[in-house]
Protein backbone atom coordinates (compact mmCIF):
# COMPACT_ATOMS: atom_id res chain seq x y z
CA MET A 1 8.91 -4.73 -1.39
CA VAL A 2 8.60 -8.51 -1.65
CA LEU A 3 4.94 -8.43 -0.62
CA SER A 4 4.05 -5.75 -3.17
CA ASN A 5 5.88 -7.70 -5.89
CA LEU A 6 3.97 -10.85 -4.97
CA GLY A 7 0.77 -8.82 -5.13
CA ARG A 8 1.63 -7.66 -8.64
CA VAL A 9 2.43 -11.21 -9.76
CA MET A 10 -0.95 -12.35 -8.47
CA LEU A 11 -2.59 -9.46 -10.34
CA GLU A 12 -0.88 -10.52 -13.56
CA GLN A 13 -2.24 -14.03 -13.02
CA ASN A 14 -5.71 -12.58 -12.35
CA GLN A 15 -5.69 -13.95 -8.81
CA LEU A 16 -7.26 -10.88 -7.27
CA GLU A 17 -7.96 -12.31 -3.81
CA ALA A 18 -4.37 -13.43 -3.40
CA ALA A 19 -3.12 -10.09 -4.71
CA GLU A 20 -5.29 -8.25 -2.22
CA SER A 21 -3.99 -10.41 0.59
CA TYR A 22 -0.35 -9.66 -0.26
CA PHE A 23 -1.01 -5.94 -0.64
CA ASP A 24 -2.92 -5.88 2.64
CA GLU A 25 0.00 -7.50 4.42
CA MET A 26 2.37 -5.03 2.75
CA VAL A 27 0.38 -2.09 4.12
CA ALA A 28 0.42 -3.56 7.63
CA VAL A 29 4.21 -3.95 7.55
CA ARG A 30 4.84 -0.51 6.09
CA GLU A 31 2.47 1.22 8.48
CA SER A 32 4.28 -0.47 11.36
CA ILE A 33 7.56 0.94 10.05
CA ARG A 34 5.96 4.30 9.48
CA ALA A 35 4.76 4.46 13.09
CA GLN A 36 8.38 4.27 14.16
CA LEU A 37 9.29 7.14 11.82
CA ARG A 38 6.76 9.60 13.25
CA GLU A 39 9.43 11.20 15.43
CA LEU A 40 11.54 12.10 12.39
CA PRO A 41 11.29 15.48 10.65
CA VAL A 42 8.40 15.80 8.21
CA ALA A 43 10.79 15.89 5.23
CA GLN A 44 12.15 12.44 6.11
CA GLN A 45 8.64 11.09 6.66
CA GLN A 46 7.69 12.45 3.21
CA THR A 47 10.67 10.67 1.66
CA PHE A 48 9.38 7.38 3.04
CA LEU A 49 5.89 8.11 1.72
CA ASN A 50 7.30 8.90 -1.71
CA GLU A 51 9.03 5.51 -1.71
CA ILE A 52 5.85 3.58 -0.93
CA ALA A 53 3.32 5.68 -2.88
CA LYS A 54 3.28 3.57 -6.06
CA ASP A 55 2.61 0.37 -4.13
CA TYR A 56 -0.26 1.98 -2.22
CA GLN A 57 -1.69 3.40 -5.44
CA ASP A 58 -1.50 -0.01 -7.12
CA TYR A 59 -3.30 -1.54 -4.16
CA ALA A 60 -5.98 1.16 -4.28
CA ARG A 61 -6.53 0.46 -8.00
CA LEU A 62 -6.98 -3.24 -7.24
CA LEU A 63 -9.52 -2.39 -4.55
CA GLN A 64 -11.40 -0.17 -6.98
CA VAL A 65 -11.53 -3.01 -9.53
CA ARG A 66 -13.01 -5.15 -6.76
CA SER A 67 -15.56 -2.37 -6.01
CA GLN A 68 -14.05 -1.69 -2.59
CA TYR A 69 -14.06 2.07 -3.03
CA SER A 70 -14.08 2.99 0.64
CA LYS A 71 -11.09 0.80 1.44
CA ALA A 72 -9.29 2.14 -1.65
CA GLN A 73 -9.75 5.69 -0.36
CA GLN A 74 -8.49 4.65 3.09
CA ILE A 75 -5.31 3.28 1.51
CA LEU A 76 -4.78 6.48 -0.47
CA ASP A 77 -5.41 8.55 2.66
CA LEU A 78 -2.47 6.77 4.30
CA LEU A 79 -0.21 8.67 1.91
CA ASN A 80 -0.89 11.88 3.85
CA ILE A 81 1.32 12.99 6.72
């Protein structure tokens, strides 16, 4: 959560590179956690995805603003089980 909040602060200050860096680190941390949750029932995995969806969507919007459409789609695809 801290990394996504830092990313949003950087966005508000129009520091897009820094924002992208924080969001990128956030995804790495959350995907590491998610890998450990793969043994849980799908419903519990979905709960985790619901919790992180807004942060991933915000990151994807930033990437789209920076014309990184392919990477934005990859981030959104991570929201699928």
